[in-house]
Amino acid sequence: MKRLPWLLALLCLAAPGWSVPLQQAFDQATPGAGYDRIVYLDQATLYTGGLTLSDGDYCLVSSGAVVDLEGNRIIVNPSASLDICGVVLANSDSAALKFSGAGHGWVDHVTFCANYDGLYFWQNSAMKITSCIIANSTRYGVYCHSEYDLRWMAYNDAWSNPSGNYREYCPS
């Protein structure tokens, strides 16, 4: 997987000497605003690692926090919902954000950079994707598995994804 020097510089500047596992931030989160857990990510902290969500409604929100996935990803299983806003997801050896089966949610103002795929939607995932930047993936920017998925995508900017910015079943 290609590594971008400016991405590493961004990660270093975002949180000099201070990083927290994303799983730890999730475990410490409390319910709020109708979610089972709402995770507020501090833009001055570097978050590391991936996350698997099941059985509940979750929200990750920030105004620019960087998550270095360290080759991992965020997986939303069929029994879960994830709304994510204002986060930078980078450095995944797979899809940075994967919605499995009937997993659903809203992805808004998220930057995907230097991942294998930016977003991956399995069959029957119901999603809204708005105002995201999806760039420099190794393969696709957005990978849609089936034409039967329920998605609404608008105001996104995708570029430099060698296999294509959107796979054939993605509305663009």
C-alpha atoms as a PDB file:
ATOM      1  CA  MET A   1       0.000   0.000   0.000  1.00  0.00           C
ATOM      2  CA  LYS A   2       1.325   3.395  -0.878  1.00  0.00           C
ATOM      3  CA  ARG A   3       2.214   5.658   1.987  1.00  0.00           C
ATOM      4  CA  LEU A   4       2.059   9.375   1.472  1.00  0.00           C
ATOM      5  CA  PRO A   5       4.740  11.486   3.180  1.00  0.00           C
ATOM      6  CA  TRP A   6       2.309  14.357   3.732  1.00  0.00           C
ATOM      7  CA  LEU A   7      -0.129  11.991   5.422  1.00  0.00           C
ATOM      8  CA  LEU A   8       2.536  10.970   7.901  1.00  0.00           C
ATOM      9  CA  ALA A   9       3.347  14.621   8.510  1.00  0.00           C
ATOM     10  CA  LEU A  10      -0.348  15.299   9.122  1.00  0.00           C
ATOM     11  CA  LEU A  11      -0.530  12.436  11.597  1.00  0.00           C
ATOM     12  CA  CYS A  12       2.518  13.729  13.447  1.00  0.00           C
ATOM     13  CA  LEU A  13       1.230  17.299  13.554  1.00  0.00           C
ATOM     14  CA  ALA A  14      -2.245  16.237  14.607  1.00  0.00           C
ATOM     15  CA  ALA A  15      -1.060  14.718  17.856  1.00  0.00           C
ATOM     16  CA  PRO A  16       2.608  15.079  18.765  1.00  0.00           C
ATOM     17  CA  GLY A  17       3.331  12.277  21.185  1.00  0.00           C
ATOM     18  CA  TRP A  18      -0.295  11.656  22.136  1.00  0.00           C
ATOM     19  CA  SER A  19      -2.345   8.789  20.753  1.00  0.00           C
ATOM     20  CA  VAL A  20      -5.300   6.798  22.011  1.00  0.00           C
ATOM     21  CA  PRO A  21      -6.659   3.491  20.674  1.00  0.00           C
ATOM     22  CA  LEU A  22     -10.001   4.089  18.955  1.00  0.00           C
ATOM     23  CA  GLN A  23     -11.390   1.079  20.835  1.00  0.00           C
ATOM     24  CA  GLN A  24     -10.530   2.772  24.152  1.00  0.00           C
ATOM     25  CA  ALA A  25     -12.321   5.972  23.134  1.00  0.00           C
ATOM     26  CA  PHE A  26     -15.337   3.872  22.123  1.00  0.00           C
ATOM     27  CA  ASP A  27     -15.326   1.896  25.392  1.00  0.00           C
ATOM     28  CA  GLN A  28     -15.287   5.129  27.435  1.00  0.00           C
ATOM     29  CA  ALA A  29     -18.143   6.731  25.485  1.00  0.00           C
ATOM     30  CA  THR A  30     -21.576   7.144  27.041  1.00  0.00           C
ATOM     31  CA  PRO A  31     -25.112   7.272  25.607  1.00  0.00           C
ATOM     32  CA  GLY A  32     -26.369  10.566  24.248  1.00  0.00           C
ATOM     33  CA  ALA A  33     -28.528  12.229  21.597  1.00  0.00           C
ATOM     34  CA  GLY A  34     -30.460   8.990  21.020  1.00  0.00           C
ATOM     35  CA  TYR A  35     -27.346   6.856  20.456  1.00  0.00           C
ATOM     36  CA  ASP A  36     -26.246   3.883  22.541  1.00  0.00           C
ATOM     37  CA  ARG A  37     -22.768   5.455  22.490  1.00  0.00           C
ATOM     38  CA  ILE A  38     -21.664   8.810  21.166  1.00  0.00           C
ATOM     39  CA  VAL A  39     -17.902   9.128  20.787  1.00  0.00           C
ATOM     40  CA  TYR A  40     -16.465  12.640  20.734  1.00  0.00           C
ATOM     41  CA  LEU A  41     -13.003  12.557  19.165  1.00  0.00           C
ATOM     42  CA  ASP A  42     -10.611  15.378  20.089  1.00  0.00           C
ATOM     43  CA  GLN A  43      -8.874  16.903  17.074  1.00  0.00           C
ATOM     44  CA  ALA A  44      -5.663  17.284  19.125  1.00  0.00           C
ATOM     45  CA  THR A  45      -5.449  13.521  19.700  1.00  0.00           C
ATOM     46  CA  LEU A  46      -4.328  10.851  17.247  1.00  0.00           C
ATOM     47  CA  TYR A  47      -6.580   7.783  17.393  1.00  0.00           C
ATOM     48  CA  THR A  48      -5.220   4.409  16.314  1.00  0.00           C
ATOM     49  CA  GLY A  49      -6.623   1.032  15.299  1.00  0.00           C
ATOM     50  CA  GLY A  50      -9.978  -0.157  14.070  1.00  0.00           C
ATOM     51  CA  LEU A  51     -13.385  -0.888  15.533  1.00  0.00           C
ATOM     52  CA  THR A  52     -16.186  -3.429  15.024  1.00  0.00           C
ATOM     53  CA  LEU A  53     -19.733  -2.297  15.823  1.00  0.00           C
ATOM     54  CA  SER A  54     -22.655  -4.632  16.526  1.00  0.00           C
ATOM     55  CA  ASP A  55     -26.114  -4.410  18.092  1.00  0.00           C
ATOM     56  CA  GLY A  56     -26.766  -0.723  18.556  1.00  0.00           C
ATOM     57  CA  ASP A  57     -26.797   2.834  17.299  1.00  0.00           C
ATOM     58  CA  TYR A  58     -23.468   4.653  17.445  1.00  0.00           C
ATOM     59  CA  CYS A  59     -22.034   8.040  16.546  1.00  0.00           C
ATOM     60  CA  LEU A  60     -18.424   9.182  16.055  1.00  0.00           C
ATOM     61  CA  VAL A  61     -18.126  12.948  15.813  1.00  0.00           C
ATOM     62  CA  SER A  62     -15.233  15.387  15.623  1.00  0.00           C
ATOM     63  CA  SER A  63     -14.050  18.499  13.880  1.00  0.00           C
ATOM     64  CA  GLY A  64     -10.986  16.978  12.279  1.00  0.00           C
ATOM     65  CA  ALA A  65      -9.642  14.151  14.450  1.00  0.00           C
ATOM     66  CA  VAL A  66      -7.297  11.780  12.615  1.00  0.00           C
ATOM     67  CA  VAL A  67      -7.752   8.015  12.958  1.00  0.00           C
ATOM     68  CA  ASP A  68      -4.691   6.037  11.833  1.00  0.00           C
ATOM     69  CA  LEU A  69      -6.325   2.674  11.240  1.00  0.00           C
ATOM     70  CA  GLU A  70      -2.913   0.955  11.270  1.00  0.00           C
ATOM     71  CA  GLY A  71      -4.048  -1.520   8.611  1.00  0.00           C
ATOM     72  CA  ASN A  72      -7.395  -2.156  10.343  1.00  0.00           C
ATOM     73  CA  ARG A  73     -10.872  -0.799   9.548  1.00  0.00           C
ATOM     74  CA  ILE A  74     -14.175   0.240  11.068  1.00  0.00           C
ATOM     75  CA  ILE A  75     -16.808  -2.460  10.474  1.00  0.00           C
ATOM     76  CA  VAL A  76     -20.530  -1.841  10.919  1.00  0.00           C
ATOM     77  CA  ASN A  77     -22.301  -5.198  11.250  1.00  0.00           C
ATOM     78  CA  PRO A  78     -25.913  -5.764  10.082  1.00  0.00           C
ATOM     79  CA  SER A  79     -27.363  -5.171  13.548  1.00  0.00           C
ATOM     80  CA  ALA A  80     -25.635  -1.794  13.941  1.00  0.00           C
ATOM     81  CA  SER A  81     -25.982   1.780  12.791  1.00  0.00           C
ATOM     82  CA  LEU A  82     -23.150   4.318  12.586  1.00  0.00           C
ATOM     83  CA  ASP A  83     -23.337   8.043  12.000  1.00  0.00           C
ATOM     84  CA  ILE A  84     -19.833   9.478  11.561  1.00  0.00           C
ATOM     85  CA  CYS A  85     -18.943  13.127  11.011  1.00  0.00           C
ATOM     86  CA  GLY A  86     -15.811  15.253  10.771  1.00  0.00           C
ATOM     87  CA  VAL A  87     -13.178  12.505  11.010  1.00  0.00           C
ATOM     88  CA  VAL A  88     -10.117  11.658   8.890  1.00  0.00           C
ATOM     89  CA  LEU A  89      -9.749   7.884   8.280  1.00  0.00           C
ATOM     90  CA  ALA A  90      -6.372   6.807   6.910  1.00  0.00           C
ATOM     91  CA  ASN A  91      -3.988   3.896   6.492  1.00  0.00           C
ATOM     92  CA  SER A  92      -6.280   0.873   6.138  1.00  0.00           C
ATOM     93  CA  ASP A  93      -5.125  -2.246   4.298  1.00  0.00           C
ATOM     94  CA  SER A  94      -8.798  -2.928   3.530  1.00  0.00           C
ATOM     95  CA  ALA A  95     -11.802  -0.615   3.314  1.00  0.00           C
ATOM     96  CA  ALA A  96     -11.474   2.148   5.897  1.00  0.00           C
ATOM     97  CA  LEU A  97     -15.209   1.919   6.606  1.00  0.00           C
ATOM     98  CA  LYS A  98     -17.181  -1.249   5.798  1.00  0.00           C
ATOM     99  CA  PHE A  99     -20.940  -1.610   6.136  1.00  0.00           C
ATOM    100  CA  SER A 100     -21.876  -5.310   6.228  1.00  0.00           C
ATOM    101  CA  GLY A 101     -25.283  -6.647   5.244  1.00  0.00           C
ATOM    102  CA  ALA A 102     -28.020  -4.413   6.573  1.00  0.00           C
ATOM    103  CA  GLY A 103     -25.622  -2.114   8.442  1.00  0.00           C
ATOM    104  CA  HIS A 104     -26.738   1.469   7.998  1.00  0.00           C
ATOM    105  CA  GLY A 105     -25.970   5.064   8.885  1.00  0.00           C
ATOM    106  CA  TRP A 106     -24.781   8.448   7.706  1.00  0.00           C
ATOM    107  CA  VAL A 107     -21.227   9.395   6.693  1.00  0.00           C
ATOM    108  CA  ASP A 108     -20.817  13.184   6.590  1.00  0.00           C
ATOM    109  CA  HIS A 109     -17.731  15.397   6.164  1.00  0.00           C
ATOM    110  CA  VAL A 110     -15.345  12.445   6.497  1.00  0.00           C
ATOM    111  CA  THR A 111     -11.981  12.368   4.719  1.00  0.00           C
ATOM    112  CA  PHE A 112     -10.739   8.985   3.486  1.00  0.00           C
ATOM    113  CA  CYS A 113      -7.092   8.961   2.461  1.00  0.00           C
ATOM    114  CA  ALA A 114      -4.468   6.292   1.660  1.00  0.00           C
ATOM    115  CA  ASN A 115      -6.689   3.254   2.247  1.00  0.00           C
ATOM    116  CA  TYR A 116      -7.177   0.132   0.103  1.00  0.00           C
ATOM    117  CA  ASP A 117     -10.823   1.149  -0.486  1.00  0.00           C
ATOM    118  CA  GLY A 118     -12.340   4.248   1.080  1.00  0.00           C
ATOM    119  CA  LEU A 119     -15.823   2.872   1.803  1.00  0.00           C
ATOM    120  CA  TYR A 120     -17.236  -0.599   1.160  1.00  0.00           C
ATOM    121  CA  PHE A 121     -20.950  -1.415   1.148  1.00  0.00           C
ATOM    122  CA  TRP A 122     -22.165  -4.993   1.249  1.00  0.00           C
ATOM    123  CA  GLN A 123     -25.639  -6.032   0.088  1.00  0.00           C
ATOM    124  CA  ASN A 124     -28.657  -4.327   1.657  1.00  0.00           C
ATOM    125  CA  SER A 125     -26.721  -1.584   3.421  1.00  0.00           C
ATOM    126  CA  ALA A 126     -28.737   1.613   3.713  1.00  0.00           C
ATOM    127  CA  MET A 127     -26.503   4.672   3.692  1.00  0.00           C
ATOM    128  CA  LYS A 128     -26.269   8.402   3.266  1.00  0.00           C
ATOM    129  CA  ILE A 129     -22.859   9.728   2.222  1.00  0.00           C
ATOM    130  CA  THR A 130     -22.523  13.499   2.018  1.00  0.00           C
ATOM    131  CA  SER A 131     -19.711  16.025   1.701  1.00  0.00           C
ATOM    132  CA  CYS A 132     -16.862  13.499   1.970  1.00  0.00           C
ATOM    133  CA  ILE A 133     -13.392  13.517   0.440  1.00  0.00           C
ATOM    134  CA  ILE A 134     -12.271  10.109  -0.837  1.00  0.00           C
ATOM    135  CA  ALA A 135      -8.747  10.161  -2.245  1.00  0.00           C
ATOM    136  CA  ASN A 136      -5.605   8.164  -2.912  1.00  0.00           C
ATOM    137  CA  SER A 137      -7.053   4.712  -2.270  1.00  0.00           C
ATOM    138  CA  THR A 138      -5.110   1.756  -3.618  1.00  0.00           C
ATOM    139  CA  ARG A 139      -8.238   0.468  -5.389  1.00  0.00           C
ATOM    140  CA  TYR A 140     -11.727   2.071  -5.328  1.00  0.00           C
ATOM    141  CA  GLY A 141     -12.882   5.208  -3.581  1.00  0.00           C
ATOM    142  CA  VAL A 142     -16.366   3.796  -2.922  1.00  0.00           C
ATOM    143  CA  TYR A 143     -17.046   0.092  -3.499  1.00  0.00           C
ATOM    144  CA  CYS A 144     -20.714  -0.848  -3.800  1.00  0.00           C
ATOM    145  CA  HIS A 145     -21.338  -4.582  -3.881  1.00  0.00           C
ATOM    146  CA  SER A 146     -24.831  -4.625  -5.334  1.00  0.00           C
ATOM    147  CA  GLU A 147     -27.266  -2.457  -7.236  1.00  0.00           C
ATOM    148  CA  TYR A 148     -29.909  -3.298  -4.615  1.00  0.00           C
ATOM    149  CA  ASP A 149     -28.253  -1.399  -1.797  1.00  0.00           C
ATOM    150  CA  LEU A 150     -30.121   1.651  -0.560  1.00  0.00           C
ATOM    151  CA  ARG A 151     -27.734   4.587  -0.786  1.00  0.00           C
ATOM    152  CA  TRP A 152     -27.929   8.295  -1.184  1.00  0.00           C
ATOM    153  CA  MET A 153     -24.692  10.016  -2.108  1.00  0.00           C
ATOM    154  CA  ALA A 154     -24.250  13.742  -2.725  1.00  0.00           C
ATOM    155  CA  TYR A 155     -21.641  16.503  -2.632  1.00  0.00           C
ATOM    156  CA  ASN A 156     -18.678  14.109  -2.356  1.00  0.00           C
ATOM    157  CA  ASP A 157     -15.275  14.682  -3.925  1.00  0.00           C
ATOM    158  CA  ALA A 158     -13.367  11.575  -5.056  1.00  0.00           C
ATOM    159  CA  TRP A 159     -10.079  11.458  -6.951  1.00  0.00           C
ATOM    160  CA  SER A 160      -6.865   9.472  -7.474  1.00  0.00           C
ATOM    161  CA  ASN A 161      -8.448   6.082  -6.844  1.00  0.00           C
ATOM    162  CA  PRO A 162      -6.787   3.880  -9.535  1.00  0.00           C
ATOM    163  CA  SER A 163      -9.580   1.311 -10.063  1.00  0.00           C
ATOM    164  CA  GLY A 164     -12.183   4.062 -10.099  1.00  0.00           C
ATOM    165  CA  ASN A 165     -13.706   6.592  -7.777  1.00  0.00           C
ATOM    166  CA  TYR A 166     -16.995   4.662  -7.652  1.00  0.00           C
ATOM    167  CA  ARG A 167     -17.548   0.990  -8.491  1.00  0.00           C
ATOM    168  CA  GLU A 168     -20.263   0.233 -11.074  1.00  0.00           C
ATOM    169  CA  TYR A 169     -23.251  -0.091  -8.710  1.00  0.00           C
ATOM    170  CA  CYS A 170     -22.570   3.178  -6.904  1.00  0.00           C
ATOM    171  CA  PRO A 171     -24.754   6.166  -7.659  1.00  0.00           C
ATOM    172  CA  SER A 172     -22.425   9.068  -8.367  1.00  0.00           C
END
